[in-house]
Structure formats: structure tokens, C-alpha cells
Amino acid sequence: MKFIINSKFYFLLFFCCCVLNVLGQSKVNKFTIVLDAGHGGKDPGNSYHGYVEKDIALKTTLKVGEYLEHEKDFEVVFTRKSDVFIELVNRPKVANKINANLFVSIHCNSVKNFEPEGTETFVMGLSRSNMNLEVAKNENSVILLEENYKKTYEGFDPKKPETFIGLKLVQEENLNSSITLASHIQDNFTNNLNRKTRGVKQQPLWVLDAAYMPGVLVELGFLSNTDEGAFLNSDEGQAKMARQIADAIIRYKRDYFSEFASNTVEMKSEESEPKKESSVKEVPVKPIKNEEVVPVIQSDEMESVVVANGTYKIQLFASSKKKDLTSQEFKGLDPISYTLEHNLYKYFYGDTMELNAAKLLSQEAKKKGFKDAFIVVFTDGKATSIK
């Protein structure tokens, strides 16, 4: 009898494990995106000509979610679905808690001058143009409405540009992904809706800095501009803008997102994207030989992988400003190359076809002070990150 009971117990246990495993696999196979409607509740955001940012952002965000929920293998999570105040610190926490694949925050722009117009999409960074700092101060200012904000944000003052220096750069392995999505969104706005584009920009925005995954902040346009504000305030305008954001996310998932299988080096692919030779400028450098690398302790477990098409390089950082390749900022590393894409300069160190050598170069770059350096693969002038 005891044997029979134990047998039934273990059978039920085994059955439950199987069911949970299947459910877990189903969850893993979902592409999870967190959609964040900016502002809300006691924080209206921008208000001009009767157009209120918190309302437009929410309606547009919900429409993006509706489009995505009709797609296969998408799971959509909202930080808010009604007019409620969500503390800034909790918005990225929603994405981090569920280990989301993507974080997208939607906002509207404004300035005191009623003439500026156009869309722009931000990724995390430390660009310091005056216009970008104004956007950063506007979007971060919600912090001041929160209780105990000095303790929560460790004294961070959104009104002081110098405090932005304390914000760390977004994890570099996510930067390329974020820029790719931002570029898709901006291209859709321009090519499909004929909206004026202000480009893809890097900016120290807390809501992006705190997210552990690729993320972007979309500025739909300027409510201070009467015509653009009227378009964004209309149901038709919100639906059109939402459709373009959703399509960009769908394209990102299809062309860029991928799992990394064991014993292989897989890349996030852009093969289906038409090549735009004019948008990327690469400075040619000769391949670096293994014996030219400064000796670094190497693990016996390092696999020897040769990239099939292209070469490995080490991305050091991205900047909105062009730098002299012989600058002391590169701390003696040589050779240095760069690309220019969507108004961002990306700087790279080294050039090798072997993963082992690339790992050594990465270690060397980090020893020189580039703590966020990471390996990318260059194919046809395009850089794709690897894990």
C-alpha cells in the first residue's frame, strides 16, 4: 500500500513538473514588451493649446498595445492603463521584475517657442547639447512630485545638468539594440507619415537608465506647435503614430531579436533591412594579429571561434561628437575605427576574425578604463552585438 501511494505521489509530481515546464517554455517563447505612457495623475506633463501630454501619451500607448496584442508571440504589459500617477522609479521596475525584452516610454514634447516640430526618439546616453538637456530636465522633473525623492534618487536633482554626470551609461550590450529600434521608429514616422524627424539621440533619462533591457523614449511631437498638437490630440493622429511604433517593434523582434544557442556565436540579425551605404561610414583598419595584443590571462575554457562573415571589434563608447582617432581619450589603444549612424559616432578598437583574440582585446580595453567595452561583429559595415 505504501508503495502504491508513493507511486501515485511521484506520478502526480512528475505530471505537475511536465505541465509547469510546458507553461514555462510558453512564457519564455513570448516576446515581452513593457509600454510606458508618460506622466499621469497629478503629473500632466506638457499642456499647450488645450492639449495635455498625459492624455495623448496614454491613448497612443494603449493603441500601440492593441496592435501588438494581435501579433503572435507578443506579451504586452503596461505601466499604466488609466490616469494614475506612477512614480518614475517604479516604471522601469515593472520591466525589470518580469525580465522584459523591451521597454518603450511614450511622451510628447514642448518648448516656449511655438515653431519647433517633429518627432525624436531617445536612447540612454550622455549627450550634452542644450536642447537635449532641456528634454532631459522636463522628463526627469516628475521626480520632484514624489515623496522622499531625495532618498529614493540619492539626491539626484533633475533641475541641475551637472547631476546627469552621476548617471551611468546604459549597459552597452543594449545600446545597439536600442538605437536600432529608435531608428526603425523614426524611419516609420518619416517615410510612412511624412512627419518631420529630429533624429535618434542619446540622453540621460532616468526611466531608461534604470531599465535592464533595451529601451527607448519616444517624443511624438510638439504640443506647443498648434498644428502638430492638433494632430497628436486627434484619434486619427494617435492611431497613425501608434501603428508606426508598433510596426517598428514588430520589425525589431523579427529582424533583430534572437536567442543565443550554446556552442555557437549568434548575432542579432539585420539581414532583411535594406543596406544604406551612405548612412554608415567605417574607417578601414588592418586586422590586428594575436602577437600584437598585450598579454592578458586567458581562461582554458575560452572557445576558439572564427567568425564566418566579417570581423570582431570592441565597441568602446558612442558619442554625438566626432573625435580625433589619435585622441588621448582612447588611452593608447590602436587601431581605432568608427561608424556614423543616425547622428551617433560609435568608436571601436581592434579587428580580428577570432573570438579568443576579441576577448583578449575586450579585456585589454577594460583594463585601460573602458569598463563598458563589449564585442561586436562587423559585417558589410554594420556592427551587431553578441553575448
Protein backbone atom coordinates (compact mmCIF):
# COMPACT_ATOMS: atom_id res chain seq x y z
CA MET A 1 0.00 0.00 0.00
CA LYS A 2 2.80 2.32 0.88
CA PHE A 3 4.42 1.61 -2.47
CA ILE A 4 1.19 2.38 -4.32
CA ILE A 5 0.72 5.71 -2.52
CA ASN A 6 4.31 6.70 -3.19
CA SER A 7 3.95 5.73 -6.83
CA LYS A 8 0.85 7.89 -7.22
CA PHE A 9 2.56 10.76 -5.46
CA TYR A 10 5.62 10.63 -7.69
CA PHE A 11 3.46 10.27 -10.79
CA LEU A 12 1.48 13.40 -9.84
CA LEU A 13 4.71 15.22 -9.05
CA PHE A 14 6.16 14.23 -12.41
CA PHE A 15 2.96 15.27 -14.20
CA CYS A 16 2.93 18.68 -12.50
CA CYS A 17 6.56 19.27 -13.38
CA CYS A 18 5.83 18.46 -17.01
CA VAL A 19 2.90 20.88 -17.10
CA LEU A 20 4.90 23.65 -15.42
CA ASN A 21 7.75 23.05 -17.81
CA VAL A 22 5.46 23.42 -20.82
CA LEU A 23 3.93 26.57 -19.36
CA GLY A 24 7.39 27.92 -18.62
CA GLN A 25 8.53 27.26 -22.17
CA SER A 26 5.44 29.03 -23.49
CA LYS A 27 6.31 32.04 -21.33
CA VAL A 28 9.93 32.02 -22.45
CA ASN A 29 8.88 31.94 -26.09
CA LYS A 30 6.86 35.13 -25.67
CA PHE A 31 8.44 38.44 -26.63
CA THR A 32 7.57 40.62 -23.65
CA ILE A 33 7.37 44.37 -24.07
CA VAL A 34 6.57 46.96 -21.42
CA LEU A 35 4.76 50.04 -22.72
CA ASP A 36 5.06 53.11 -20.54
CA ALA A 37 2.65 56.02 -21.03
CA GLY A 38 4.48 59.06 -19.72
CA HIS A 39 3.22 61.14 -16.80
CA GLY A 40 -0.34 60.67 -15.43
CA GLY A 41 -2.48 61.60 -12.44
CA LYS A 42 -1.16 64.69 -10.65
CA ASP A 43 1.59 64.97 -13.26
CA PRO A 44 0.01 66.28 -16.51
CA GLY A 45 3.29 66.64 -18.38
CA ASN A 46 3.19 69.29 -21.12
CA SER A 47 0.00 71.30 -21.64
CA TYR A 48 -0.38 73.70 -24.56
CA HIS A 49 -3.39 74.95 -26.53
CA GLY A 50 -5.64 72.59 -24.57
CA TYR A 51 -3.53 69.54 -25.50
CA VAL A 52 -2.44 67.53 -22.44
CA GLU A 53 0.56 65.22 -22.68
CA LYS A 54 -0.56 62.63 -20.12
CA ASP A 55 -3.82 62.03 -22.05
CA ILE A 56 -2.23 61.85 -25.50
CA ALA A 57 0.57 59.60 -24.26
CA LEU A 58 -1.89 57.20 -22.62
CA LYS A 59 -4.24 56.95 -25.60
CA THR A 60 -1.37 56.43 -28.03
CA THR A 61 0.32 53.86 -25.79
CA LEU A 62 -2.87 51.84 -25.41
CA LYS A 63 -3.28 51.82 -29.19
CA VAL A 64 0.29 50.54 -29.60
CA GLY A 65 -0.58 47.75 -27.18
CA GLU A 66 -3.75 46.86 -29.09
CA TYR A 67 -1.80 46.47 -32.32
CA LEU A 68 0.87 44.30 -30.68
CA GLU A 69 -1.63 42.10 -28.84
CA HIS A 70 -2.93 40.93 -32.21
CA GLU A 71 0.55 39.71 -33.14
CA LYS A 72 1.77 36.19 -32.49
CA ASP A 73 4.17 35.56 -29.58
CA PHE A 74 3.82 39.05 -28.08
CA GLU A 75 3.07 39.73 -24.44
CA VAL A 76 2.26 43.37 -23.68
CA VAL A 77 2.48 44.88 -20.20
CA PHE A 78 1.51 48.48 -19.39
CA THR A 79 2.94 50.61 -16.59
CA ARG A 80 -0.44 52.37 -16.50
CA LYS A 81 -3.76 51.94 -18.32
CA SER A 82 -5.60 54.86 -16.76
CA ASP A 83 -4.99 58.39 -15.50
CA VAL A 84 -2.93 57.49 -12.43
CA PHE A 85 0.37 58.78 -11.11
CA ILE A 86 3.19 56.23 -11.30
CA GLU A 87 6.46 57.16 -9.63
CA LEU A 88 9.30 57.33 -12.11
CA VAL A 89 11.38 54.85 -10.14
CA ASN A 90 8.64 52.20 -10.46
CA ARG A 91 8.21 52.38 -14.23
CA PRO A 92 11.40 50.51 -15.21
CA LYS A 93 10.91 48.23 -12.21
CA VAL A 94 7.84 46.79 -13.95
CA ALA A 95 10.05 45.74 -16.87
CA ASN A 96 12.90 44.52 -14.67
CA LYS A 97 10.64 42.40 -12.48
CA ILE A 98 9.29 40.38 -15.41
CA ASN A 99 12.60 40.37 -17.31
CA ALA A 100 11.01 42.05 -20.33
CA ASN A 101 12.68 42.06 -23.73
CA LEU A 102 11.94 45.70 -24.45
CA PHE A 103 10.91 48.91 -22.67
CA VAL A 104 9.20 51.72 -24.62
CA SER A 105 8.18 55.01 -23.00
CA ILE A 106 5.91 57.39 -24.93
CA HIS A 107 5.79 61.16 -24.42
CA CYS A 108 5.08 64.50 -26.13
CA ASN A 109 7.46 67.40 -26.47
CA SER A 110 7.09 71.15 -25.96
CA VAL A 111 9.12 74.37 -25.91
CA LYS A 112 8.27 78.00 -25.21
CA ASN A 113 8.78 78.80 -28.90
CA PHE A 114 5.69 77.57 -30.79
CA GLU A 115 7.53 76.93 -34.08
CA PRO A 116 9.60 73.74 -33.45
CA GLU A 117 8.02 70.49 -34.61
CA GLY A 118 8.99 66.91 -35.31
CA THR A 119 9.47 63.53 -33.74
CA GLU A 120 12.55 62.27 -31.94
CA THR A 121 13.44 59.08 -30.14
CA PHE A 122 15.92 58.86 -27.28
CA VAL A 123 18.23 56.11 -26.10
CA MET A 124 20.28 56.27 -22.93
CA GLY A 125 23.49 58.29 -23.15
CA LEU A 126 25.33 61.39 -22.01
CA SER A 127 24.86 63.76 -24.91
CA ARG A 128 25.08 67.35 -23.70
CA SER A 129 23.50 69.52 -26.37
CA ASN A 130 21.41 72.28 -24.79
CA MET A 131 18.20 71.13 -26.46
CA ASN A 132 18.66 67.56 -25.28
CA LEU A 133 19.37 68.66 -21.71
CA GLU A 134 16.11 70.61 -21.71
CA VAL A 135 14.24 67.48 -22.76
CA ALA A 136 16.02 65.51 -20.04
CA LYS A 137 15.11 68.07 -17.38
CA ASN A 138 11.46 68.09 -18.49
CA GLU A 139 11.08 64.31 -18.46
CA ASN A 140 13.03 63.85 -15.20
CA SER A 141 11.27 66.69 -13.38
CA VAL A 142 8.42 64.38 -12.34
CA ILE A 143 10.83 63.16 -9.65
CA LEU A 144 10.11 66.32 -7.67
CA LEU A 145 6.44 65.33 -7.30
CA GLU A 146 7.34 62.14 -5.43
CA GLU A 147 7.56 61.82 -1.67
CA ASN A 148 11.07 61.21 -0.33
CA TYR A 149 12.53 61.78 -3.79
CA LYS A 150 15.90 62.82 -2.32
CA LYS A 151 16.24 59.46 -0.61
CA THR A 152 14.83 57.44 -3.50
CA TYR A 153 17.08 59.04 -6.11
CA GLU A 154 20.04 59.58 -3.81
CA GLY A 155 19.97 63.37 -4.06
CA PHE A 156 19.61 63.44 -7.85
CA ASP A 157 18.33 66.93 -8.83
CA PRO A 158 16.64 66.94 -12.27
CA LYS A 159 16.98 70.71 -12.48
CA LYS A 160 20.77 70.65 -12.39
CA PRO A 161 22.54 69.47 -15.58
CA GLU A 162 25.69 68.64 -13.62
CA THR A 163 23.84 65.89 -11.74
CA PHE A 164 23.42 64.00 -15.03
CA ILE A 165 27.11 63.14 -14.87
CA GLY A 166 26.25 60.80 -11.99
CA LEU A 167 24.00 58.69 -14.20
CA LYS A 168 25.78 55.64 -15.61
CA LEU A 169 25.58 54.84 -19.30
CA VAL A 170 23.05 52.23 -20.30
CA GLN A 171 24.50 48.75 -20.45
CA GLU A 172 26.48 48.86 -23.66
CA GLU A 173 25.30 45.48 -24.88
CA ASN A 174 21.81 47.01 -25.09
CA LEU A 175 22.83 50.26 -26.76
CA ASN A 176 22.96 48.95 -30.32
CA SER A 177 19.57 47.28 -29.85
CA SER A 178 18.03 50.48 -28.52
CA ILE A 179 19.45 52.55 -31.38
CA THR A 180 18.14 50.04 -33.92
CA LEU A 181 14.59 50.20 -32.54
CA ALA A 182 14.74 54.01 -32.27
CA SER A 183 15.90 54.19 -35.89
CA HIS A 184 13.03 51.97 -37.05
CA ILE A 185 10.52 54.19 -35.22
CA GLN A 186 11.93 57.41 -36.65
CA ASP A 187 12.12 55.96 -40.16
CA ASN A 188 8.47 54.89 -39.96
CA PHE A 189 7.33 58.33 -38.80
CA THR A 190 9.20 60.00 -41.65
CA ASN A 191 8.71 57.56 -44.51
CA ASN A 192 5.13 56.48 -43.80
CA LEU A 193 3.57 59.57 -42.20
CA ASN A 194 5.82 62.29 -43.60
CA ARG A 195 6.44 63.64 -40.11
CA LYS A 196 9.46 65.84 -39.63
CA THR A 197 12.25 63.95 -37.87
CA ARG A 198 14.63 65.33 -35.28
CA GLY A 199 16.55 62.06 -35.27
CA VAL A 200 17.75 59.48 -32.77
CA LYS A 201 19.53 60.97 -29.76
CA GLN A 202 21.33 59.85 -26.63
CA GLN A 203 20.21 61.41 -23.39
CA PRO A 204 20.50 60.69 -19.64
CA LEU A 205 16.85 59.85 -18.87
CA TRP A 206 16.31 58.07 -15.55
CA VAL A 207 13.49 55.89 -16.86
CA LEU A 208 15.85 54.38 -19.47
CA ASP A 209 18.91 54.24 -17.23
CA ALA A 210 17.15 52.06 -14.67
CA ALA A 211 15.83 49.52 -17.20
CA TYR A 212 17.92 46.37 -17.58
CA MET A 213 16.88 45.76 -21.19
CA PRO A 214 16.97 47.74 -24.46
CA GLY A 215 14.66 50.72 -24.27
CA VAL A 216 13.66 53.94 -25.98
CA LEU A 217 11.73 57.08 -25.11
CA VAL A 218 9.59 58.36 -27.98
CA GLU A 219 8.67 62.04 -28.26
CA LEU A 220 5.64 62.02 -30.58
CA GLY A 221 5.91 65.71 -31.42
CA PHE A 222 5.49 69.21 -30.00
CA LEU A 223 2.22 70.12 -28.29
CA SER A 224 3.48 73.70 -28.31
CA ASN A 225 3.16 73.65 -32.11
CA THR A 226 -0.52 74.27 -32.87
CA ASP A 227 -0.74 72.06 -35.96
CA GLU A 228 1.31 69.19 -34.59
CA GLY A 229 -0.50 69.35 -31.27
CA ALA A 230 -3.88 69.13 -33.03
CA PHE A 231 -2.70 66.08 -34.99
CA LEU A 232 -1.44 64.29 -31.89
CA ASN A 233 -4.59 65.17 -29.96
CA SER A 234 -6.83 63.57 -32.60
CA ASP A 235 -7.87 59.94 -32.56
CA GLU A 236 -6.64 59.59 -36.15
CA GLY A 237 -3.25 61.05 -35.31
CA GLN A 238 -2.82 58.82 -32.27
CA ALA A 239 -3.79 55.73 -34.28
CA LYS A 240 -1.33 56.57 -37.05
CA MET A 241 1.55 57.24 -34.68
CA ALA A 242 0.77 54.11 -32.66
CA ARG A 243 0.70 51.98 -35.81
CA GLN A 244 4.19 53.13 -36.80
CA ILE A 245 5.60 52.46 -33.33
CA ALA A 246 4.01 49.01 -33.27
CA ASP A 247 5.31 48.18 -36.75
CA ALA A 248 8.82 49.23 -35.69
CA ILE A 249 8.63 46.96 -32.65
CA ILE A 250 7.36 44.06 -34.77
CA ARG A 251 10.22 44.59 -37.22
CA TYR A 252 12.71 44.79 -34.36
CA LYS A 253 11.51 41.45 -32.99
CA ARG A 254 11.54 39.82 -36.42
CA ASP A 255 14.88 41.11 -37.66
CA TYR A 256 16.90 41.82 -34.55
CA PHE A 257 15.80 39.78 -31.57
CA SER A 258 17.28 36.29 -31.28
CA GLU A 259 18.14 33.67 -28.69
CA PHE A 260 21.74 32.62 -28.22
CA ALA A 261 22.22 28.86 -28.56
CA SER A 262 25.01 27.00 -26.78
CA ASN A 263 28.31 26.30 -28.54
CA THR A 264 27.54 28.85 -31.25
CA VAL A 265 28.06 32.54 -31.70
CA GLU A 266 24.74 34.02 -32.80
CA MET A 267 24.11 37.64 -33.72
CA LYS A 268 21.07 39.87 -33.75
CA SER A 269 20.43 39.99 -37.46
CA GLU A 270 19.63 42.94 -39.71
CA GLU A 271 19.81 40.95 -42.94
CA SER A 272 16.31 41.88 -44.06
CA GLU A 273 16.99 45.60 -43.73
CA PRO A 274 17.98 47.32 -46.99
CA LYS A 275 21.59 48.42 -46.95
CA LYS A 276 22.14 52.15 -46.70
CA GLU A 277 25.79 52.67 -47.51
CA SER A 278 25.52 56.42 -47.12
CA SER A 279 24.30 56.18 -43.54
CA VAL A 280 27.31 54.30 -42.21
CA LYS A 281 30.92 55.36 -42.64
CA GLU A 282 33.60 52.95 -41.49
CA VAL A 283 37.24 53.84 -41.23
CA PRO A 284 39.22 50.87 -42.61
CA VAL A 285 41.87 49.36 -40.36
CA LYS A 286 44.20 46.45 -40.91
CA PRO A 287 43.45 43.26 -38.93
CA ILE A 288 45.36 43.04 -35.67
CA LYS A 289 47.47 39.94 -35.15
CA ASN A 290 47.37 37.92 -31.96
CA GLU A 291 51.01 38.60 -31.18
CA GLU A 292 50.28 42.34 -31.22
CA VAL A 293 47.88 42.03 -28.28
CA VAL A 294 49.14 42.87 -24.81
CA PRO A 295 49.26 39.54 -22.90
CA VAL A 296 46.23 39.04 -20.66
CA ILE A 297 45.39 35.99 -18.52
CA GLN A 298 43.27 33.71 -20.64
CA SER A 299 40.85 31.07 -19.39
CA ASP A 300 41.39 27.49 -20.53
CA GLU A 301 37.65 27.32 -21.20
CA MET A 302 37.73 30.05 -23.87
CA GLU A 303 36.37 28.53 -27.04
CA SER A 304 38.10 29.11 -30.36
CA VAL A 305 35.52 30.53 -32.77
CA VAL A 306 36.23 32.14 -36.10
CA VAL A 307 33.53 34.44 -37.43
CA ALA A 308 32.24 33.22 -40.77
CA ASN A 309 31.50 36.58 -42.36
CA GLY A 310 33.11 39.74 -41.05
CA THR A 311 35.42 40.52 -38.15
CA TYR A 312 35.24 41.10 -34.41
CA LYS A 313 35.82 44.54 -32.92
CA ILE A 314 35.46 46.07 -29.46
CA GLN A 315 32.94 48.88 -29.10
CA LEU A 316 34.33 51.39 -26.62
CA PHE A 317 31.57 54.01 -26.50
CA ALA A 318 29.15 56.08 -28.57
CA SER A 319 29.13 59.86 -28.82
CA SER A 320 27.20 62.60 -30.58
CA LYS A 321 30.53 64.32 -31.34
CA LYS A 322 33.29 63.25 -33.72
CA LYS A 323 36.64 62.60 -32.05
CA ASP A 324 40.18 62.53 -33.37
CA LEU A 325 41.24 58.88 -33.68
CA THR A 326 44.61 59.77 -32.17
CA SER A 327 42.99 61.47 -29.18
CA GLN A 328 44.24 60.70 -25.67
CA GLU A 329 40.65 59.68 -24.88
CA PHE A 330 41.47 56.30 -26.45
CA LYS A 331 44.28 55.81 -23.92
CA GLY A 332 46.82 54.47 -26.39
CA LEU A 333 44.58 51.78 -27.89
CA ASP A 334 45.27 51.23 -31.58
CA PRO A 335 43.84 50.75 -34.15
CA ILE A 336 40.66 52.77 -33.58
CA SER A 337 37.79 52.97 -36.09
CA TYR A 338 34.32 54.44 -36.04
CA THR A 339 30.91 54.41 -37.72
CA LEU A 340 28.44 57.25 -38.12
CA GLU A 341 24.79 56.26 -37.99
CA HIS A 342 21.75 58.33 -37.06
CA ASN A 343 23.94 61.21 -35.81
CA LEU A 344 25.84 58.94 -33.40
CA TYR A 345 29.55 58.13 -33.67
CA LYS A 346 30.47 54.66 -32.40
CA TYR A 347 34.14 54.04 -31.67
CA PHE A 348 35.78 50.62 -31.93
CA TYR A 349 39.11 49.09 -31.02
CA GLY A 350 40.89 46.25 -32.85
CA ASP A 351 39.95 43.99 -35.74
CA THR A 352 40.22 40.20 -35.61
CA MET A 353 38.46 37.14 -37.00
CA GLU A 354 38.93 35.00 -33.86
CA LEU A 355 36.68 35.22 -30.81
CA ASN A 356 39.55 34.36 -28.44
CA ALA A 357 41.53 37.32 -29.72
CA ALA A 358 38.46 39.53 -29.47
CA LYS A 359 38.00 38.55 -25.81
CA LEU A 360 41.61 39.46 -25.13
CA LEU A 361 41.11 42.81 -26.81
CA SER A 362 37.98 43.38 -24.74
CA GLN A 363 39.89 42.61 -21.53
CA GLU A 364 42.64 44.98 -22.58
CA ALA A 365 40.15 47.77 -23.29
CA LYS A 366 38.56 47.29 -19.86
CA LYS A 367 41.97 47.39 -18.17
CA LYS A 368 42.52 50.73 -19.91
CA GLY A 369 39.38 52.10 -18.26
CA PHE A 370 36.65 51.29 -20.80
CA LYS A 371 34.61 49.25 -18.32
CA ASP A 372 31.56 49.03 -20.61
CA ALA A 373 33.50 47.79 -23.66
CA PHE A 374 31.89 44.86 -25.45
CA ILE A 375 32.43 42.68 -28.51
CA VAL A 376 30.63 43.31 -31.80
CA VAL A 377 30.76 41.63 -35.18
CA PHE A 378 31.29 43.78 -38.26
CA THR A 379 29.58 42.55 -41.44
CA ASP A 380 29.20 44.76 -44.52
CA GLY A 381 29.98 47.86 -42.46
CA LYS A 382 27.34 47.06 -39.83
CA ALA A 383 28.02 46.27 -36.18
CA THR A 384 25.94 43.69 -34.32
CA SER A 385 26.46 42.83 -30.67
CA ILE A 386 26.98 39.31 -29.37
CA LYS A 387 26.58 37.77 -25.95
